[in-house]
Amino acid sequence: MEEPHRRIRALHTASTITVYQAYSPEIGLPAVRDGRFPSAWLRHRMTWIKPSFLWMMYRSNWGTNPGQETVLAVEIDRDGFDWALRHACLSSYVRGLHPDRGTWQRDLKLAPSRVQWDPERDLNLRPLPYRSLQLGLSGKVSSRYADEWTVSISDVTPLAREIRALVSRGDPDLAARLLPQEKPYAAGDEPLAHLRP
């Protein structure tokens, strides 16, 4: 079966969805230890969450980029995630989906969350011909993510290193077996209709 061009793929349960972020150890390690983001995590800033593990590996270079050495798997409440999708605006203008550029700019300014569709990645971090979602949360929604929606926070940096080592050694089959089991996320058509160009 052919992959849709844009689809949310994620590790999820009936009540939660796992997203990934990468931080410096000063932020990441206390978050893992306490199961919540520390006060040093700036709650008023835009934060981007990624349901795709391999997209996070691409973005953080397997957790080796400066300031991204601790890769976190953040399990959050599906109701919160779905709310953010319903209230999101695409981060770029799409002719035909938006009435006009001015309307899109107004919507983007007012939206508490925004969506980008970026190329999914393979084990070598090369782009695939279909896209995965990034969800940006701003202001009060960022605080809700950190303080209300978060169910658990795990350090998946060792997993990232193990998978990267297997890929480097030429064992992609074993590396693939260690990946989080991301499956299509059924948010329903309604929350995504305005987010699919």
C-alpha atoms as a PDB file:
ATOM      1  CA  MET A   1       0.000   0.000   0.000  1.00  0.00           C
ATOM      2  CA  GLU A   2       1.352   3.402  -0.982  1.00  0.00           C
ATOM      3  CA  GLU A   3       1.998   5.949   1.762  1.00  0.00           C
ATOM      4  CA  PRO A   4      -0.198   9.077   1.636  1.00  0.00           C
ATOM      5  CA  HIS A   5       1.838  12.191   0.905  1.00  0.00           C
ATOM      6  CA  ARG A   6       0.947  13.685   4.291  1.00  0.00           C
ATOM      7  CA  ARG A   7       0.057  11.571   7.298  1.00  0.00           C
ATOM      8  CA  ILE A   8       0.745  11.555  11.028  1.00  0.00           C
ATOM      9  CA  ARG A   9       2.675   8.437  11.975  1.00  0.00           C
ATOM     10  CA  ALA A  10       3.295   8.002  15.678  1.00  0.00           C
ATOM     11  CA  LEU A  11       3.738   5.689  18.608  1.00  0.00           C
ATOM     12  CA  HIS A  12       0.376   5.971  20.346  1.00  0.00           C
ATOM     13  CA  THR A  13      -2.125   4.311  22.640  1.00  0.00           C
ATOM     14  CA  ALA A  14      -5.863   4.858  23.039  1.00  0.00           C
ATOM     15  CA  SER A  15      -5.187   7.879  25.269  1.00  0.00           C
ATOM     16  CA  THR A  16      -1.641   9.110  24.496  1.00  0.00           C
ATOM     17  CA  ILE A  17       0.700   9.952  21.642  1.00  0.00           C
ATOM     18  CA  THR A  18       4.502  10.059  21.866  1.00  0.00           C
ATOM     19  CA  VAL A  19       6.371  13.049  20.443  1.00  0.00           C
ATOM     20  CA  TYR A  20      10.089  13.791  20.357  1.00  0.00           C
ATOM     21  CA  GLN A  21      12.216  16.775  21.269  1.00  0.00           C
ATOM     22  CA  ALA A  22      15.946  17.247  21.875  1.00  0.00           C
ATOM     23  CA  TYR A  23      17.520  19.526  24.461  1.00  0.00           C
ATOM     24  CA  SER A  24      20.743  20.236  26.249  1.00  0.00           C
ATOM     25  CA  PRO A  25      21.385  17.979  29.262  1.00  0.00           C
ATOM     26  CA  GLU A  26      20.598  20.957  31.533  1.00  0.00           C
ATOM     27  CA  ILE A  27      16.980  20.806  30.335  1.00  0.00           C
ATOM     28  CA  GLY A  28      16.632  17.170  29.254  1.00  0.00           C
ATOM     29  CA  LEU A  29      18.040  15.355  32.277  1.00  0.00           C
ATOM     30  CA  PRO A  30      15.899  17.148  34.916  1.00  0.00           C
ATOM     31  CA  ALA A  31      12.851  16.612  32.671  1.00  0.00           C
ATOM     32  CA  VAL A  32      13.507  12.853  32.644  1.00  0.00           C
ATOM     33  CA  ARG A  33      14.313  12.722  36.358  1.00  0.00           C
ATOM     34  CA  ASP A  34      11.190  14.630  37.416  1.00  0.00           C
ATOM     35  CA  GLY A  35       8.810  13.542  34.670  1.00  0.00           C
ATOM     36  CA  ARG A  36       8.055  17.169  33.820  1.00  0.00           C
ATOM     37  CA  PHE A  37       9.834  20.075  32.197  1.00  0.00           C
ATOM     38  CA  PRO A  38      11.972  22.110  34.625  1.00  0.00           C
ATOM     39  CA  SER A  39      11.417  25.796  35.346  1.00  0.00           C
ATOM     40  CA  ALA A  40      14.367  26.601  33.054  1.00  0.00           C
ATOM     41  CA  TRP A  41      12.258  25.354  30.128  1.00  0.00           C
ATOM     42  CA  LEU A  42      10.758  28.563  28.726  1.00  0.00           C
ATOM     43  CA  ARG A  43       7.015  28.057  28.654  1.00  0.00           C
ATOM     44  CA  HIS A  44       6.204  31.253  26.741  1.00  0.00           C
ATOM     45  CA  ARG A  45       8.301  30.322  23.678  1.00  0.00           C
ATOM     46  CA  MET A  46       7.212  28.389  20.596  1.00  0.00           C
ATOM     47  CA  THR A  47       8.118  24.723  20.982  1.00  0.00           C
ATOM     48  CA  TRP A  48       8.038  22.155  18.167  1.00  0.00           C
ATOM     49  CA  ILE A  49       7.017  18.565  18.811  1.00  0.00           C
ATOM     50  CA  LYS A  50       7.630  15.755  16.343  1.00  0.00           C
ATOM     51  CA  PRO A  51       5.786  12.409  16.296  1.00  0.00           C
ATOM     52  CA  SER A  52       8.441  10.956  13.959  1.00  0.00           C
ATOM     53  CA  PHE A  53      11.479   9.469  15.713  1.00  0.00           C
ATOM     54  CA  LEU A  54      13.599   9.486  12.540  1.00  0.00           C
ATOM     55  CA  TRP A  55      12.685  13.079  11.760  1.00  0.00           C
ATOM     56  CA  MET A  56      13.940  13.986  15.238  1.00  0.00           C
ATOM     57  CA  MET A  57      17.124  12.035  14.519  1.00  0.00           C
ATOM     58  CA  TYR A  58      17.561  14.059  11.340  1.00  0.00           C
ATOM     59  CA  ARG A  59      16.894  17.358  13.129  1.00  0.00           C
ATOM     60  CA  SER A  60      19.272  16.598  16.034  1.00  0.00           C
ATOM     61  CA  ASN A  61      21.809  14.528  14.034  1.00  0.00           C
ATOM     62  CA  TRP A  62      21.139  11.516  16.280  1.00  0.00           C
ATOM     63  CA  GLY A  63      21.324  13.722  19.392  1.00  0.00           C
ATOM     64  CA  THR A  64      24.791  15.099  18.638  1.00  0.00           C
ATOM     65  CA  ASN A  65      23.988  18.691  17.654  1.00  0.00           C
ATOM     66  CA  PRO A  66      24.965  21.294  20.265  1.00  0.00           C
ATOM     67  CA  GLY A  67      22.036  21.926  22.591  1.00  0.00           C
ATOM     68  CA  GLN A  68      20.285  18.756  21.397  1.00  0.00           C
ATOM     69  CA  GLU A  69      22.344  16.073  23.139  1.00  0.00           C
ATOM     70  CA  THR A  70      19.417  14.667  25.144  1.00  0.00           C
ATOM     71  CA  VAL A  71      16.618  13.220  23.032  1.00  0.00           C
ATOM     72  CA  LEU A  72      13.303  12.987  24.836  1.00  0.00           C
ATOM     73  CA  ALA A  73      10.259  10.850  24.123  1.00  0.00           C
ATOM     74  CA  VAL A  74       7.363  12.823  25.589  1.00  0.00           C
ATOM     75  CA  GLU A  75       4.123  10.915  26.014  1.00  0.00           C
ATOM     76  CA  ILE A  76       1.232  13.367  25.934  1.00  0.00           C
ATOM     77  CA  ASP A  77      -2.533  13.286  26.210  1.00  0.00           C
ATOM     78  CA  ARG A  78      -4.250  12.676  22.853  1.00  0.00           C
ATOM     79  CA  ASP A  79      -7.037  15.120  23.687  1.00  0.00           C
ATOM     80  CA  GLY A  80      -4.475  17.906  24.011  1.00  0.00           C
ATOM     81  CA  PHE A  81      -2.679  16.908  20.818  1.00  0.00           C
ATOM     82  CA  ASP A  82      -5.961  16.750  18.885  1.00  0.00           C
ATOM     83  CA  TRP A  83      -7.012  20.139  20.290  1.00  0.00           C
ATOM     84  CA  ALA A  84      -3.742  21.638  19.036  1.00  0.00           C
ATOM     85  CA  LEU A  85      -4.356  20.139  15.580  1.00  0.00           C
ATOM     86  CA  ARG A  86      -7.896  21.505  15.401  1.00  0.00           C
ATOM     87  CA  HIS A  87      -6.659  25.003  16.280  1.00  0.00           C
ATOM     88  CA  ALA A  88      -3.511  24.946  14.135  1.00  0.00           C
ATOM     89  CA  CYS A  89      -2.663  26.913  11.033  1.00  0.00           C
ATOM     90  CA  LEU A  90      -0.212  25.800   8.366  1.00  0.00           C
ATOM     91  CA  SER A  91       3.129  27.567   8.772  1.00  0.00           C
ATOM     92  CA  SER A  92       3.215  28.481   5.079  1.00  0.00           C
ATOM     93  CA  TYR A  93       0.660  29.870   2.633  1.00  0.00           C
ATOM     94  CA  VAL A  94      -0.965  27.397   0.241  1.00  0.00           C
ATOM     95  CA  ARG A  95      -2.902  28.773  -2.737  1.00  0.00           C
ATOM     96  CA  GLY A  96      -6.305  27.108  -2.962  1.00  0.00           C
ATOM     97  CA  LEU A  97      -6.347  25.993   0.659  1.00  0.00           C
ATOM     98  CA  HIS A  98      -6.280  29.547   2.077  1.00  0.00           C
ATOM     99  CA  PRO A  99      -8.597  32.208   0.632  1.00  0.00           C
ATOM    100  CA  ASP A 100      -5.652  34.586   0.161  1.00  0.00           C
ATOM    101  CA  ARG A 101      -2.250  35.397   1.646  1.00  0.00           C
ATOM    102  CA  GLY A 102      -3.619  38.119   3.931  1.00  0.00           C
ATOM    103  CA  THR A 103      -6.197  35.761   5.463  1.00  0.00           C
ATOM    104  CA  TRP A 104      -3.523  33.123   6.025  1.00  0.00           C
ATOM    105  CA  GLN A 105      -1.231  35.686   7.706  1.00  0.00           C
ATOM    106  CA  ARG A 106      -4.037  36.760  10.060  1.00  0.00           C
ATOM    107  CA  ASP A 107      -4.913  33.144  10.836  1.00  0.00           C
ATOM    108  CA  LEU A 108      -1.262  32.288  11.497  1.00  0.00           C
ATOM    109  CA  LYS A 109      -0.871  35.248  13.866  1.00  0.00           C
ATOM    110  CA  LEU A 110      -3.944  34.229  15.868  1.00  0.00           C
ATOM    111  CA  ALA A 111      -3.426  30.457  15.852  1.00  0.00           C
ATOM    112  CA  PRO A 112      -2.129  28.928  19.109  1.00  0.00           C
ATOM    113  CA  SER A 113      -0.415  26.171  17.126  1.00  0.00           C
ATOM    114  CA  ARG A 114       1.035  25.662  13.669  1.00  0.00           C
ATOM    115  CA  VAL A 115       1.819  22.732  11.415  1.00  0.00           C
ATOM    116  CA  GLN A 116       4.692  21.988   9.068  1.00  0.00           C
ATOM    117  CA  TRP A 117       4.835  18.944   6.829  1.00  0.00           C
ATOM    118  CA  ASP A 118       8.466  17.915   6.385  1.00  0.00           C
ATOM    119  CA  PRO A 119       9.943  15.009   4.422  1.00  0.00           C
ATOM    120  CA  GLU A 120       9.999  11.820   6.486  1.00  0.00           C
ATOM    121  CA  ARG A 121      13.467  10.243   6.804  1.00  0.00           C
ATOM    122  CA  ASP A 122      14.910   6.787   6.351  1.00  0.00           C
ATOM    123  CA  LEU A 123      17.528   5.133   8.581  1.00  0.00           C
ATOM    124  CA  ASN A 124      20.280   7.027   6.752  1.00  0.00           C
ATOM    125  CA  LEU A 125      18.319  10.256   7.369  1.00  0.00           C
ATOM    126  CA  ARG A 126      17.687  10.714   3.657  1.00  0.00           C
ATOM    127  CA  PRO A 127      14.347  12.290   2.687  1.00  0.00           C
ATOM    128  CA  LEU A 128      11.498   9.977   1.712  1.00  0.00           C
ATOM    129  CA  PRO A 129       8.821  10.946  -0.843  1.00  0.00           C
ATOM    130  CA  TYR A 130       6.165  11.485   1.825  1.00  0.00           C
ATOM    131  CA  ARG A 131       5.884  13.899   4.709  1.00  0.00           C
ATOM    132  CA  SER A 132       5.520  13.836   8.479  1.00  0.00           C
ATOM    133  CA  LEU A 133       4.046  16.394  10.797  1.00  0.00           C
ATOM    134  CA  GLN A 134       5.768  18.889  13.055  1.00  0.00           C
ATOM    135  CA  LEU A 135       3.486  20.707  15.478  1.00  0.00           C
ATOM    136  CA  GLY A 136       4.502  24.084  16.875  1.00  0.00           C
ATOM    137  CA  LEU A 137       2.935  25.204  20.146  1.00  0.00           C
ATOM    138  CA  SER A 138       3.068  28.827  21.258  1.00  0.00           C
ATOM    139  CA  GLY A 139       2.386  30.804  24.401  1.00  0.00           C
ATOM    140  CA  LYS A 140      -0.306  29.341  26.629  1.00  0.00           C
ATOM    141  CA  VAL A 141      -0.514  26.160  24.562  1.00  0.00           C
ATOM    142  CA  SER A 142       3.190  25.560  25.113  1.00  0.00           C
ATOM    143  CA  SER A 143       2.535  25.803  28.857  1.00  0.00           C
ATOM    144  CA  ARG A 144      -0.428  23.432  28.588  1.00  0.00           C
ATOM    145  CA  TYR A 145       1.784  20.934  26.754  1.00  0.00           C
ATOM    146  CA  ALA A 146       4.420  21.083  29.490  1.00  0.00           C
ATOM    147  CA  ASP A 147       2.193  21.262  32.548  1.00  0.00           C
ATOM    148  CA  GLU A 148      -1.125  19.617  31.605  1.00  0.00           C
ATOM    149  CA  TRP A 149      -0.724  17.288  28.628  1.00  0.00           C
ATOM    150  CA  THR A 150       2.562  15.593  29.522  1.00  0.00           C
ATOM    151  CA  VAL A 151       2.059  12.078  30.900  1.00  0.00           C
ATOM    152  CA  SER A 152       5.691  10.901  30.954  1.00  0.00           C
ATOM    153  CA  ILE A 153       9.149  11.862  29.694  1.00  0.00           C
ATOM    154  CA  SER A 154      11.802   9.290  28.760  1.00  0.00           C
ATOM    155  CA  ASP A 155      15.413   9.630  27.657  1.00  0.00           C
ATOM    156  CA  VAL A 156      15.785   7.877  24.300  1.00  0.00           C
ATOM    157  CA  THR A 157      19.339   9.111  23.676  1.00  0.00           C
ATOM    158  CA  PRO A 158      20.811   5.616  24.309  1.00  0.00           C
ATOM    159  CA  LEU A 159      18.337   4.170  21.798  1.00  0.00           C
ATOM    160  CA  ALA A 160      19.335   6.813  19.239  1.00  0.00           C
ATOM    161  CA  ARG A 161      23.019   5.948  19.711  1.00  0.00           C
ATOM    162  CA  GLU A 162      22.376   2.213  19.433  1.00  0.00           C
ATOM    163  CA  ILE A 163      20.361   2.573  16.221  1.00  0.00           C
ATOM    164  CA  ARG A 164      22.946   4.925  14.732  1.00  0.00           C
ATOM    165  CA  ALA A 165      25.758   2.475  15.568  1.00  0.00           C
ATOM    166  CA  LEU A 166      23.887  -0.383  13.887  1.00  0.00           C
ATOM    167  CA  VAL A 167      23.298   1.707  10.773  1.00  0.00           C
ATOM    168  CA  SER A 168      26.990   2.690  10.709  1.00  0.00           C
ATOM    169  CA  ARG A 169      28.007  -0.981  11.024  1.00  0.00           C
ATOM    170  CA  GLY A 170      25.808  -1.913   8.080  1.00  0.00           C
ATOM    171  CA  ASP A 171      23.039  -3.689  10.000  1.00  0.00           C
ATOM    172  CA  PRO A 172      19.898  -1.771   8.924  1.00  0.00           C
ATOM    173  CA  ASP A 173      17.541  -4.703   9.585  1.00  0.00           C
ATOM    174  CA  LEU A 174      18.438  -4.877  13.279  1.00  0.00           C
ATOM    175  CA  ALA A 175      18.401  -1.066  13.479  1.00  0.00           C
ATOM    176  CA  ALA A 176      14.901  -0.995  11.986  1.00  0.00           C
ATOM    177  CA  ARG A 177      13.661  -3.529  14.558  1.00  0.00           C
ATOM    178  CA  LEU A 178      14.690  -1.146  17.352  1.00  0.00           C
ATOM    179  CA  LEU A 179      12.716   1.812  15.975  1.00  0.00           C
ATOM    180  CA  PRO A 180       9.578   2.909  17.843  1.00  0.00           C
ATOM    181  CA  GLN A 181       6.556   1.235  16.233  1.00  0.00           C
ATOM    182  CA  GLU A 182       4.964   4.282  14.633  1.00  0.00           C
ATOM    183  CA  LYS A 183       1.572   3.643  13.068  1.00  0.00           C
ATOM    184  CA  PRO A 184      -0.907   5.911  11.308  1.00  0.00           C
ATOM    185  CA  TYR A 185      -2.492   8.207  13.855  1.00  0.00           C
ATOM    186  CA  ALA A 186      -6.265   8.380  13.468  1.00  0.00           C
ATOM    187  CA  ALA A 187      -7.095  11.909  14.483  1.00  0.00           C
ATOM    188  CA  GLY A 188     -10.052  11.723  12.117  1.00  0.00           C
ATOM    189  CA  ASP A 189     -10.445  13.843   9.015  1.00  0.00           C
ATOM    190  CA  GLU A 190     -11.921  16.864  10.770  1.00  0.00           C
ATOM    191  CA  PRO A 191      -8.828  18.007  12.727  1.00  0.00           C
ATOM    192  CA  LEU A 192      -6.586  17.642   9.649  1.00  0.00           C
ATOM    193  CA  ALA A 193      -8.805  18.853   6.812  1.00  0.00           C
ATOM    194  CA  HIS A 194      -7.499  22.438   7.039  1.00  0.00           C
ATOM    195  CA  LEU A 195      -3.894  21.238   7.328  1.00  0.00           C
ATOM    196  CA  ARG A 196      -3.533  19.127   4.166  1.00  0.00           C
ATOM    197  CA  PRO A 197      -2.629  21.140   1.054  1.00  0.00           C
END
